[in-house]
Protein backbone atom coordinates (compact mmCIF):
# COMPACT_ATOMS: atom_id res chain seq x y z
CA MET A 1 8.22 21.31 3.98
CA LEU A 2 6.95 20.98 0.44
CA THR A 3 7.96 17.77 -1.33
CA LEU A 4 7.55 17.23 -5.04
CA HIS A 5 7.19 13.60 -6.13
CA ALA A 6 7.95 13.26 -9.83
CA ALA A 7 7.53 10.14 -11.99
CA GLU A 8 7.82 9.13 -15.61
CA LEU A 9 4.03 8.78 -15.72
CA LEU A 10 1.36 10.10 -13.34
CA LEU A 11 -1.95 8.25 -13.23
CA PRO A 12 -4.37 10.45 -11.20
CA GLY A 13 -7.09 7.81 -11.19
CA ASP A 14 -9.97 9.87 -12.58
CA ARG A 15 -8.51 11.51 -15.70
CA GLU A 16 -5.93 11.00 -18.42
CA PRO A 17 -2.37 10.01 -17.45
CA VAL A 18 0.22 12.79 -17.30
CA PRO A 19 3.62 11.94 -18.82
CA GLY A 20 6.37 13.45 -16.70
CA GLY A 21 3.82 14.23 -14.00
CA ALA A 22 4.29 15.22 -10.38
CA VAL A 23 2.45 15.49 -7.08
CA LEU A 24 3.30 18.29 -4.65
CA VAL A 25 2.85 17.34 -1.00
CA ASP A 26 2.41 19.85 1.82
CA GLY A 27 2.34 18.02 5.14
CA GLY A 28 -0.23 15.27 4.76
CA ARG A 29 -2.09 16.83 1.86
CA ILE A 30 -1.69 17.18 -1.90
CA ALA A 31 -1.00 20.80 -2.80
CA ALA A 32 -0.71 20.49 -6.59
CA ILE A 33 -0.86 17.95 -9.41
CA GLY A 34 0.39 18.36 -12.96
CA ARG A 35 3.38 18.30 -15.26
CA TYR A 36 6.64 18.33 -13.34
CA GLU A 37 7.95 21.42 -15.14
CA ASP A 38 4.83 23.42 -14.31
CA VAL A 39 4.58 22.42 -10.65
CA ALA A 40 8.33 22.78 -10.06
CA ALA A 41 8.35 26.25 -11.61
CA ALA A 42 5.52 27.37 -9.34
CA HIS A 43 7.23 25.93 -6.23
CA PRO A 44 11.01 26.27 -6.71
CA ALA A 45 11.78 25.72 -3.02
CA ALA A 46 10.15 22.27 -2.89
CA ARG A 47 12.31 19.26 -2.18
CA VAL A 48 12.21 16.91 -5.17
CA ARG A 49 11.96 13.13 -5.12
CA ARG A 50 12.26 11.53 -8.54
CA TRP A 51 10.82 8.06 -9.02
CA PRO A 52 11.16 5.60 -11.89
CA GLY A 53 7.96 4.25 -13.42
CA MET A 54 4.38 5.25 -12.68
CA LEU A 55 2.85 7.14 -9.75
CA THR A 56 -0.72 6.11 -8.92
CA PRO A 57 -3.28 6.45 -6.13
CA GLY A 58 -2.64 4.12 -3.21
CA LEU A 59 -4.29 0.71 -3.37
CA VAL A 60 -6.95 -1.11 -1.36
CA ASN A 61 -6.53 -4.75 -0.40
CA ARG A 62 -9.97 -6.29 0.08
CA HIS A 63 -8.74 -9.40 1.91
CA GLY A 64 -7.86 -7.69 5.17
CA THR A 65 -9.86 -9.99 7.43
CA ALA A 66 -8.23 -13.10 6.00
CA LEU A 67 -4.75 -11.60 6.08
CA PHE A 68 -4.87 -10.19 9.60
CA GLU A 69 -7.31 -12.40 11.49
CA HIS A 70 -7.01 -15.77 9.71
CA THR A 71 -3.34 -15.90 8.69
CA TYR A 72 -0.05 -16.10 10.56
CA PHE A 73 3.08 -14.73 8.88
CA PRO A 74 6.17 -16.46 10.34
CA ASP A 75 9.04 -14.29 11.52
CA ASP A 76 11.86 -14.71 9.01
CA PRO A 77 14.45 -15.97 9.90
CA PHE A 78 13.62 -16.72 13.53
CA GLU A 79 10.58 -18.97 13.02
CA VAL A 80 11.38 -20.44 9.61
CA ASP A 81 12.99 -23.63 10.95
CA GLU A 82 9.94 -24.28 13.12
CA LEU A 83 7.11 -23.06 10.90
CA GLY A 84 8.48 -22.68 7.39
CA SER A 85 8.40 -19.48 5.41
CA GLU A 86 4.85 -19.63 4.02
CA PRO A 87 1.86 -18.01 5.76
CA LEU A 88 -0.15 -20.35 7.98
CA THR A 89 -3.92 -20.66 7.61
CA GLY A 90 -6.65 -23.16 8.42
CA ALA A 91 -5.58 -26.24 10.37
CA ALA A 92 -1.94 -25.13 10.55
CA LEU A 93 -2.97 -21.85 12.14
CA ALA A 94 -5.32 -23.62 14.55
CA ALA A 95 -2.51 -25.96 15.59
CA LEU A 96 -0.18 -23.03 16.23
CA ALA A 97 -2.86 -21.18 18.24
CA PRO A 98 -0.88 -17.92 18.41
CA GLY A 99 -1.54 -15.68 21.39
CA GLU A 100 -2.29 -11.98 21.40
CA SER A 101 1.34 -10.86 21.20
CA ARG A 102 2.20 -13.29 18.42
CA ARG A 103 -0.84 -12.22 16.40
CA GLY A 104 0.19 -8.58 16.74
CA ASN A 105 3.69 -9.35 15.49
CA SER A 106 2.25 -11.27 12.54
CA ALA A 107 0.03 -8.29 11.72
CA ARG A 108 3.05 -5.99 11.81
CA ARG A 109 4.85 -8.20 9.30
CA CYS A 110 1.72 -8.29 7.16
CA THR A 111 1.48 -4.49 7.09
CA GLN A 112 5.05 -4.28 5.80
CA LYS A 113 4.22 -6.72 3.01
CA LEU A 114 1.15 -4.68 2.07
CA LEU A 115 3.02 -1.38 2.08
CA ALA A 116 5.57 -3.03 -0.21
CA ARG A 117 2.71 -3.57 -2.67
CA GLY A 118 1.43 0.00 -2.65
CA VAL A 119 -1.47 -0.74 -0.28
CA VAL A 120 -2.74 2.19 1.80
CA ALA A 121 -6.07 0.73 2.99
CA VAL A 122 -7.69 -2.62 3.71
CA THR A 123 -11.28 -3.77 3.85
CA ALA A 124 -11.47 -5.70 7.08
CA SER A 125 -13.19 -6.53 10.30
CA LEU A 126 -10.44 -6.58 12.93
CA THR A 127 -11.39 -8.10 16.26
CA THR A 128 -7.99 -8.76 17.85
CA PRO A 129 -6.71 -5.72 19.81
CA SER A 130 -3.03 -6.28 19.02
CA VAL A 131 -3.87 -6.64 15.33
CA ARG A 132 -5.87 -3.40 15.31
CA SER A 133 -2.99 -1.65 17.02
CA ALA A 134 -0.42 -2.93 14.50
CA VAL A 135 -2.54 -1.85 11.54
CA ARG A 136 -3.18 1.59 13.05
CA ARG A 137 0.49 2.17 13.78
CA ALA A 138 1.41 1.22 10.21
CA GLY A 139 -0.84 4.00 8.92
CA LEU A 140 -3.17 1.73 6.96
CA GLU A 141 -6.78 2.82 6.72
CA VAL A 142 -9.38 0.20 7.66
CA LEU A 143 -12.51 0.37 5.52
CA PRO A 144 -15.84 -1.18 6.43
CA GLY A 145 -17.39 -3.57 3.97
CA ALA A 146 -18.22 -7.14 3.23
CA SER A 147 -15.96 -9.40 5.26
CA ASP A 148 -13.91 -11.93 3.35
CA GLY A 149 -14.04 -14.25 6.37
CA ALA A 150 -11.43 -16.97 6.21
CA GLY A 151 -10.93 -16.50 2.48
CA PRO A 152 -7.64 -16.56 0.61
CA ALA A 153 -4.73 -14.69 2.14
CA THR A 154 -4.08 -12.61 -0.96
CA LEU A 155 -1.47 -9.88 -0.53
CA ASP A 156 -1.64 -8.67 -4.14
CA PRO A 157 -4.56 -6.24 -4.56
CA PHE A 158 -4.53 -6.97 -8.32
CA ALA A 159 -5.13 -10.69 -7.83
CA ASP A 160 -8.82 -10.42 -8.68
CA THR A 161 -9.27 -6.87 -9.95
CA PRO A 162 -7.73 -4.51 -12.52
CA PRO A 163 -5.43 -1.76 -11.19
CA ALA A 164 -7.94 1.09 -11.54
CA ALA A 165 -10.52 -0.80 -9.47
CA ALA A 166 -7.96 -1.23 -6.69
CA PHE A 167 -7.28 2.50 -6.25
CA ARG A 168 -8.36 3.85 -2.85
CA ALA A 169 -9.37 7.21 -4.34
CA PRO A 170 -8.24 9.48 -7.19
CA LEU A 171 -5.44 11.91 -6.45
CA ALA A 172 -6.87 15.38 -5.84
CA VAL A 173 -5.59 18.76 -4.74
CA GLY A 174 -6.50 19.20 -1.07
CA GLY A 175 -6.92 15.45 -0.66
CA PRO A 176 -4.73 13.13 1.41
CA ALA A 177 -1.18 12.54 0.17
CA ARG A 178 -1.70 8.81 -0.23
CA PHE A 179 -0.13 7.22 -3.29
CA ALA A 180 2.29 4.61 -4.61
CA VAL A 181 4.95 4.32 -7.31
CA PHE A 182 5.46 1.21 -9.42
CA ALA A 183 8.26 0.10 -11.74
CA ALA A 184 5.91 -0.14 -14.72
CA PRO A 185 5.51 2.17 -17.72
CA ASP A 186 1.69 2.06 -17.86
CA GLU A 187 -1.42 0.48 -16.37
CA GLU A 188 -1.34 -2.55 -18.68
CA ALA A 189 2.22 -3.34 -17.67
CA LEU A 190 1.33 -2.82 -14.01
CA ARG A 191 -1.43 -5.41 -14.21
CA ALA A 192 0.91 -7.86 -15.93
CA ARG A 193 3.80 -7.36 -13.52
CA GLY A 194 1.76 -7.05 -10.32
CA ALA A 195 1.87 -4.89 -7.23
CA GLY A 196 5.20 -6.43 -6.23
CA THR A 197 6.81 -3.88 -8.54
CA CYS A 198 6.09 -1.17 -5.94
CA VAL A 199 8.97 1.26 -5.55
CA ALA A 200 7.48 3.55 -2.91
CA THR A 201 4.36 4.00 -0.79
CA VAL A 202 3.33 7.32 0.76
CA ILE A 203 0.59 7.72 3.38
CA GLY A 204 -0.24 11.06 4.96
CA GLY A 205 2.76 12.56 3.19
CA ARG A 206 5.13 10.10 4.87
CA LEU A 207 7.30 7.73 2.88
CA LEU A 208 6.41 4.43 4.58
CA HIS A 209 7.96 2.08 2.04
CA ARG A 210 10.88 2.53 -0.29
CA ARG A 211 12.44 -0.29 -2.21
CA ALA A 212 16.08 -0.66 -1.25
């Protein structure tokens, strides 16, 4: 089924923004990009999803190793009384010494937090089998690159880079349907408000996060 994702502003990532832009998705691929009126007229049978704000390429979080291998995300509400609500790192993580199953569950919670920030890929070296499995099942791409070791557990991909530098890849016809929508009118506002303004995240044509 063809699905047309329309937003107030489309930021392809490698060319000028398109006011009232849209991305047409066919399965897991992008079939067309352009002004909503033009794409909709050419594909009248497409299902339409209208989003507020700005549609951009999906984001890369470059702290994947720290987030998945050196951080434990407590299960809210079940572990909050015991562990608190903040992620555990360093000595607190060592004291907890979570086993394989617990690490996998933490990774699953982490993937949901990343999807809620428009993240579609992470740079990481994942050595724990249950963590690798959780990331794969979530649909996140794992990119090779310099490991961040036990660095800061930073969920926001804009924490140390401007939005454009955090894009996984520009949106392109024939390319993967992998993008995000943010409640921001432009790139400047997106940087100021942060990735927590994410409204929706699509990977492989599937809507994996939608703000309630």
